N, C-alpha and C. Protein backbone atom coordinates (compact mmCIF):
# COMPACT_ATOMS: atom_id res chain seq x y z
N TYR A 1 0.39 -6.23 -11.87
CA TYR A 1 -1.09 -6.52 -12.34
C TYR A 1 -0.95 -7.72 -12.87
N PRO A 2 -0.80 -8.68 -12.44
CA PRO A 2 -0.96 -10.25 -12.86
C PRO A 2 -2.30 -10.73 -13.44
N GLN A 3 -3.38 -10.56 -12.79
CA GLN A 3 -4.73 -10.84 -13.15
C GLN A 3 -4.96 -9.85 -14.32
N ILE A 4 -4.84 -8.92 -14.39
CA ILE A 4 -5.24 -7.97 -15.75
C ILE A 4 -4.37 -8.50 -16.67
N GLU A 5 -3.10 -8.90 -16.80
CA GLU A 5 -2.46 -9.33 -17.78
C GLU A 5 -2.71 -10.76 -18.32
N SER A 6 -3.39 -11.69 -17.21
CA SER A 6 -3.77 -12.88 -17.65
C SER A 6 -5.02 -12.85 -18.44
N ASP A 7 -5.89 -12.13 -18.12
CA ASP A 7 -7.41 -11.71 -18.81
C ASP A 7 -7.50 -10.84 -20.10
N ILE A 8 -6.42 -10.00 -20.17
CA ILE A 8 -6.47 -9.11 -21.28
C ILE A 8 -5.59 -9.26 -22.19
N PRO A 9 -5.71 -9.38 -23.57
CA PRO A 9 -4.52 -9.61 -24.38
C PRO A 9 -3.65 -8.46 -24.65
N ASP A 10 -2.31 -8.79 -24.77
CA ASP A 10 -1.30 -7.47 -24.87
C ASP A 10 -1.82 -6.48 -25.48
N GLU A 11 -2.43 -6.70 -26.74
CA GLU A 11 -2.54 -5.65 -27.79
C GLU A 11 -3.78 -4.68 -27.30
N VAL A 12 -4.67 -5.29 -26.38
CA VAL A 12 -5.57 -4.26 -25.75
C VAL A 12 -5.07 -3.60 -24.66
N LEU A 13 -3.96 -4.16 -23.80
CA LEU A 13 -3.36 -3.41 -22.91
C LEU A 13 -2.27 -2.45 -23.66
N GLU A 14 -1.70 -2.58 -24.63
CA GLU A 14 -0.70 -1.82 -25.01
C GLU A 14 -0.86 -0.27 -24.88
N GLY A 15 -0.33 0.43 -24.16
CA GLY A 15 -0.36 1.73 -23.95
C GLY A 15 -1.27 2.12 -22.86
N THR A 16 -1.91 0.90 -22.27
CA THR A 16 -2.62 1.30 -20.91
C THR A 16 -1.77 2.04 -19.68
N LEU A 17 -2.36 3.04 -19.16
CA LEU A 17 -1.93 3.25 -17.87
C LEU A 17 -2.33 2.42 -16.23
N GLY A 18 -1.59 2.66 -15.39
CA GLY A 18 -1.74 1.99 -14.30
C GLY A 18 -1.37 2.80 -13.07
N ILE A 19 -2.53 3.31 -11.91
CA ILE A 19 -1.77 4.09 -10.97
C ILE A 19 -1.71 3.10 -9.81
N ASP A 20 -0.65 3.37 -8.86
CA ASP A 20 -0.60 2.53 -7.68
C ASP A 20 0.34 3.11 -6.56
N PHE A 21 -0.36 3.08 -5.38
CA PHE A 21 0.53 3.35 -4.34
C PHE A 21 1.53 2.31 -3.65
N ILE A 22 1.15 0.87 -3.84
CA ILE A 22 2.13 -0.15 -3.42
C ILE A 22 3.33 -0.28 -4.16
N PRO A 23 4.42 0.03 -3.36
CA PRO A 23 5.90 -0.30 -4.04
C PRO A 23 5.65 -1.47 -4.93
N ALA A 24 6.11 -1.17 -5.88
CA ALA A 24 6.24 -2.58 -6.99
C ALA A 24 7.08 -3.49 -6.41
N ASN A 25 7.98 -3.41 -5.66
CA ASN A 25 8.91 -4.31 -4.90
C ASN A 25 8.36 -4.77 -3.76
N ILE A 26 7.15 -4.65 -3.47
CA ILE A 26 6.67 -5.12 -2.19
C ILE A 26 6.83 -6.31 -1.64
N ARG A 27 7.11 -7.72 -3.04
CA ARG A 27 7.57 -8.71 -2.44
C ARG A 27 9.02 -9.07 -1.99
N GLU A 28 9.77 -7.94 -2.14
CA GLU A 28 11.10 -8.03 -1.65
C GLU A 28 11.34 -6.92 -0.68
N THR A 29 10.29 -6.32 -0.04
CA THR A 29 10.56 -5.80 1.30
C THR A 29 10.62 -6.82 2.41
N SER A 30 10.93 -6.01 3.62
CA SER A 30 10.88 -6.77 4.66
C SER A 30 9.45 -7.44 5.05
N PHE A 31 8.49 -6.76 4.89
CA PHE A 31 7.16 -7.00 5.27
C PHE A 31 6.91 -8.17 3.98
N GLY A 32 6.89 -7.79 3.14
CA GLY A 32 6.67 -9.11 1.83
C GLY A 32 7.07 -10.34 1.97
N LYS A 33 8.79 -10.50 2.47
CA LYS A 33 9.44 -11.50 2.38
C LYS A 33 8.53 -12.36 4.02
N LYS A 34 8.48 -11.39 5.20
CA LYS A 34 7.98 -12.29 5.91
C LYS A 34 6.53 -12.89 5.91
N TYR A 35 5.75 -12.03 5.01
CA TYR A 35 4.29 -12.39 5.01
C TYR A 35 4.19 -13.56 3.86
N LEU A 36 4.82 -13.62 2.84
CA LEU A 36 5.19 -14.59 2.04
C LEU A 36 5.70 -16.13 2.26
N SER A 37 6.46 -15.70 3.58
CA SER A 37 7.23 -16.86 3.90
C SER A 37 6.06 -17.62 4.93
N LYS A 38 5.18 -17.07 5.54
CA LYS A 38 4.26 -17.42 6.36
C LYS A 38 2.76 -17.88 5.26
N TYR A 39 2.58 -17.24 4.50
CA TYR A 39 1.52 -17.40 3.26
C TYR A 39 2.01 -17.61 1.73
N PRO A 40 2.86 -18.56 1.50
CA PRO A 40 3.28 -18.59 0.28
C PRO A 40 2.62 -18.65 -1.09
N ASP A 41 1.59 -19.04 -0.74
CA ASP A 41 0.51 -19.03 -1.87
C ASP A 41 -0.37 -17.57 -2.07
N THR A 42 -0.09 -16.62 -1.41
CA THR A 42 -0.68 -15.30 -1.53
C THR A 42 -0.50 -14.78 -2.99
N SER A 43 -1.39 -14.45 -3.71
CA SER A 43 -1.53 -13.55 -4.59
C SER A 43 -1.17 -12.24 -4.63
N PHE A 44 -0.83 -11.58 -5.67
CA PHE A 44 -0.30 -10.28 -5.93
C PHE A 44 -1.47 -9.45 -5.28
N VAL A 45 -2.63 -9.69 -5.49
CA VAL A 45 -3.69 -8.58 -4.90
C VAL A 45 -3.90 -8.87 -3.48
N GLU A 46 -3.91 -10.17 -3.23
CA GLU A 46 -3.90 -10.48 -1.76
C GLU A 46 -2.78 -9.96 -0.92
N LEU A 47 -1.83 -9.74 -1.35
CA LEU A 47 -0.26 -9.19 -0.82
C LEU A 47 -0.59 -7.78 -0.48
N ASN A 48 -1.24 -7.26 -1.84
CA ASN A 48 -1.70 -5.68 -1.78
C ASN A 48 -2.43 -5.46 -0.36
N TYR A 49 -3.81 -5.98 -0.66
CA TYR A 49 -4.78 -6.00 0.51
C TYR A 49 -3.93 -6.23 1.88
N ALA A 50 -3.20 -7.07 1.96
CA ALA A 50 -2.70 -7.31 3.36
C ALA A 50 -1.55 -6.31 3.80
N VAL A 51 -0.82 -5.64 2.68
CA VAL A 51 0.27 -4.58 3.13
C VAL A 51 -0.97 -3.35 3.38
N THR A 52 -1.92 -3.06 2.66
CA THR A 52 -2.99 -1.89 2.95
C THR A 52 -3.37 -1.98 4.51
N GLY A 53 -4.01 -3.33 4.70
CA GLY A 53 -4.29 -3.50 6.05
C GLY A 53 -3.81 -3.41 7.16
N TYR A 54 -2.21 -3.75 6.97
CA TYR A 54 -1.12 -3.97 7.71
C TYR A 54 -0.86 -2.41 8.34
N GLU A 55 -0.84 -1.63 7.15
CA GLU A 55 -0.57 -0.39 7.15
C GLU A 55 -1.55 0.65 8.18
N MET A 56 -3.00 0.15 8.07
CA MET A 56 -3.75 0.95 8.76
C MET A 56 -3.70 0.59 10.21
N ILE A 57 -3.50 -0.72 10.40
CA ILE A 57 -3.28 -1.08 11.67
C ILE A 57 -1.90 -0.54 12.44
N LYS A 58 -0.78 -0.06 11.84
CA LYS A 58 0.08 0.47 12.23
C LYS A 58 -0.11 1.98 12.52
N TYR A 59 -0.74 2.65 11.96
CA TYR A 59 -0.98 4.15 12.12
C TYR A 59 -2.13 4.49 13.29
N THR A 60 -3.26 3.46 13.24
CA THR A 60 -4.34 3.46 14.30
C THR A 60 -3.78 3.01 15.32
N THR A 61 -2.72 2.09 15.64
CA THR A 61 -2.03 1.64 16.80
C THR A 61 -1.31 2.92 17.47
N ARG A 62 -0.66 3.59 16.94
CA ARG A 62 0.31 4.55 17.02
C ARG A 62 -0.69 5.81 17.63
N ALA A 63 -1.92 5.86 16.89
CA ALA A 63 -2.88 6.78 17.43
C ALA A 63 -3.70 6.56 18.81
N LEU A 64 -3.96 5.29 19.03
CA LEU A 64 -4.14 4.88 20.12
C LEU A 64 -3.32 4.87 21.22
N GLU A 65 -2.29 4.95 21.13
CA GLU A 65 -1.13 4.88 22.08
C GLU A 65 -1.23 5.75 23.17
N SER A 66 -1.79 7.21 22.86
CA SER A 66 -1.75 8.11 23.59
C SER A 66 -3.12 8.45 24.14
N CYS A 67 -4.25 7.47 23.91
CA CYS A 67 -5.74 7.61 24.51
C CYS A 67 -5.88 6.64 25.30
N GLY A 68 -6.97 6.88 26.15
CA GLY A 68 -7.34 5.95 26.75
C GLY A 68 -8.88 5.09 26.19
N PRO A 69 -9.25 4.24 27.05
CA PRO A 69 -10.52 3.78 26.30
C PRO A 69 -11.68 4.68 26.05
N ASN A 70 -12.28 4.64 25.27
CA ASN A 70 -13.51 5.55 24.89
C ASN A 70 -13.21 7.36 25.01
N GLU A 71 -12.03 7.45 25.12
CA GLU A 71 -11.78 8.86 24.84
C GLU A 71 -11.31 9.21 23.19
N ASN A 72 -12.96 9.28 22.64
CA ASN A 72 -13.02 9.62 21.24
C ASN A 72 -12.43 11.03 20.81
N GLU A 73 -12.54 11.75 21.24
CA GLU A 73 -11.83 13.18 20.94
C GLU A 73 -10.53 12.83 21.11
N CYS A 74 -10.20 12.59 21.99
CA CYS A 74 -8.43 12.01 21.72
C CYS A 74 -8.01 11.24 20.76
N ILE A 75 -8.90 10.39 20.46
CA ILE A 75 -8.76 9.18 19.30
C ILE A 75 -8.56 10.14 17.97
N ILE A 76 -9.76 11.25 17.94
CA ILE A 76 -10.06 11.72 16.52
C ILE A 76 -8.72 12.64 16.44
N GLN A 77 -8.35 13.28 17.47
CA GLN A 77 -7.21 14.20 17.35
C GLN A 77 -6.00 13.26 16.94
N SER A 78 -5.54 12.23 17.69
CA SER A 78 -4.66 11.61 17.42
C SER A 78 -4.20 11.05 15.92
N LEU A 79 -5.44 10.39 15.57
CA LEU A 79 -5.48 10.07 13.83
C LEU A 79 -5.01 11.23 13.20
N LYS A 80 -5.49 12.20 13.17
CA LYS A 80 -5.13 13.57 12.71
C LYS A 80 -3.56 13.69 12.42
N ASN A 81 -3.07 13.49 13.55
CA ASN A 81 -1.40 13.56 13.75
C ASN A 81 -0.56 12.68 13.63
N VAL A 82 -0.79 11.54 13.39
CA VAL A 82 -0.01 10.27 13.23
C VAL A 82 1.21 10.47 12.40
N ASN A 83 2.35 10.43 12.74
CA ASN A 83 3.31 10.42 11.85
C ASN A 83 4.63 9.69 12.39
N ASN A 84 5.46 9.25 11.35
CA ASN A 84 6.49 8.33 11.88
C ASN A 84 6.33 7.08 12.53
N TYR A 85 5.25 6.33 12.01
CA TYR A 85 4.88 5.11 12.66
C TYR A 85 5.33 3.85 12.16
N GLY A 86 6.55 3.74 11.60
CA GLY A 86 6.54 2.52 10.81
C GLY A 86 6.15 2.00 9.66
N SER A 87 5.86 2.84 8.47
CA SER A 87 4.97 2.83 7.66
C SER A 87 6.00 1.61 7.00
N VAL A 88 4.98 0.64 6.24
CA VAL A 88 5.50 -0.33 5.30
C VAL A 88 5.18 0.12 3.50
N LEU A 89 4.54 1.43 3.58
CA LEU A 89 4.35 1.91 2.52
C LEU A 89 5.29 3.20 1.99
N GLY A 90 6.14 3.60 3.31
CA GLY A 90 7.19 4.62 2.93
C GLY A 90 6.25 5.91 3.38
N SER A 91 5.13 5.82 4.12
CA SER A 91 4.68 6.86 4.17
C SER A 91 5.03 7.94 5.48
N PRO A 92 5.01 9.16 5.62
CA PRO A 92 5.37 10.03 6.62
C PRO A 92 4.44 10.17 7.73
N GLY A 93 3.19 9.90 7.33
CA GLY A 93 2.09 9.91 8.10
C GLY A 93 0.97 10.77 7.27
N PHE A 94 0.12 11.82 8.44
CA PHE A 94 -0.99 12.56 7.42
C PHE A 94 -0.66 13.50 7.75
N THR A 95 -1.24 14.21 6.32
CA THR A 95 -1.25 15.98 6.53
C THR A 95 -2.42 16.32 6.07
N GLU A 96 -3.05 17.07 6.97
CA GLU A 96 -4.34 17.74 6.89
C GLU A 96 -5.55 16.45 6.57
N ARG A 97 -5.52 15.46 7.45
CA ARG A 97 -6.10 14.29 7.45
C ARG A 97 -6.33 13.30 6.29
N VAL A 98 -5.19 13.75 5.44
CA VAL A 98 -5.21 12.67 4.27
C VAL A 98 -3.46 11.89 4.55
N LEU A 99 -3.60 10.73 4.46
CA LEU A 99 -2.66 9.76 4.58
C LEU A 99 -1.72 10.13 3.22
N GLN A 100 -0.61 10.16 3.56
CA GLN A 100 0.88 11.03 2.62
C GLN A 100 1.47 9.55 1.77
N VAL A 101 0.73 9.18 0.61
CA VAL A 101 1.73 8.03 -0.12
C VAL A 101 1.90 8.27 -1.52
N GLU A 102 2.92 7.62 -1.82
CA GLU A 102 3.40 8.20 -3.30
C GLU A 102 2.88 7.42 -4.10
N ASN A 103 2.33 7.87 -5.25
CA ASN A 103 1.56 7.26 -6.13
C ASN A 103 2.70 7.23 -7.59
N LYS A 104 2.60 6.17 -7.97
CA LYS A 104 3.46 6.05 -9.16
C LYS A 104 2.39 5.69 -10.31
N VAL A 105 2.90 6.11 -11.89
CA VAL A 105 1.94 5.83 -12.96
C VAL A 105 2.81 4.79 -13.68
N TYR A 106 2.01 3.64 -13.88
CA TYR A 106 2.90 2.53 -15.03
C TYR A 106 2.31 3.01 -16.07
N SER A 107 3.00 2.21 -17.05
CA SER A 107 2.47 2.09 -18.49
C SER A 107 2.93 0.87 -19.42
N TYR A 108 1.71 0.37 -19.74
CA TYR A 108 1.98 -1.24 -20.41
C TYR A 108 2.86 -1.07 -21.70
N LYS A 109 3.56 -1.54 -22.21
CA LYS A 109 4.51 -1.50 -23.27
C LYS A 109 5.15 -2.38 -23.77
N ASP A 110 4.93 -3.24 -24.78
CA ASP A 110 5.86 -4.43 -25.23
C ASP A 110 5.58 -5.49 -24.47
N GLY A 111 4.39 -5.68 -23.61
CA GLY A 111 4.35 -6.90 -22.76
C GLY A 111 4.96 -6.87 -21.41
N GLU A 112 4.90 -5.54 -20.86
CA GLU A 112 5.37 -5.66 -19.43
C GLU A 112 5.02 -4.16 -19.05
N TRP A 113 4.97 -3.99 -17.77
CA TRP A 113 4.57 -2.73 -16.92
C TRP A 113 5.70 -2.00 -16.69
N SER A 114 6.06 -0.71 -16.89
CA SER A 114 6.97 -0.16 -16.34
C SER A 114 6.76 1.49 -15.99
N LEU A 115 7.49 2.10 -15.05
CA LEU A 115 7.49 3.47 -14.79
C LEU A 115 6.99 4.33 -15.96
N ALA A 116 5.98 5.06 -15.96
CA ALA A 116 5.78 6.18 -17.06
C ALA A 116 6.50 6.92 -17.07
N GLU A 117 6.84 7.83 -17.99
CA GLU A 117 8.10 8.49 -18.19
C GLU A 117 7.13 10.30 -18.52
């Protein structure tokens, strides 16, 4: 949350909770490293949007692999059942039409974010 940290004083942030599904170490993942090597001036927020967009492309591509052009019913059914598609967020896929991602709760204490206990 670098933008939040620069815009809001520590004393106001103290005790604040934040929830995120993007891994805190996204910069160190293979996706993060590759993306940042190509776009080194990318902000934290831009990287989060990039990884979210890439994730959407990955599972949409997987769904479309088994369908022909304009086979809308096939596409809808395939999107409901996408699993094991090489997620960059660590998602196994969909359950009952909901993408399964791990949400983590962070707490701001003593000038830094850490996983809330």
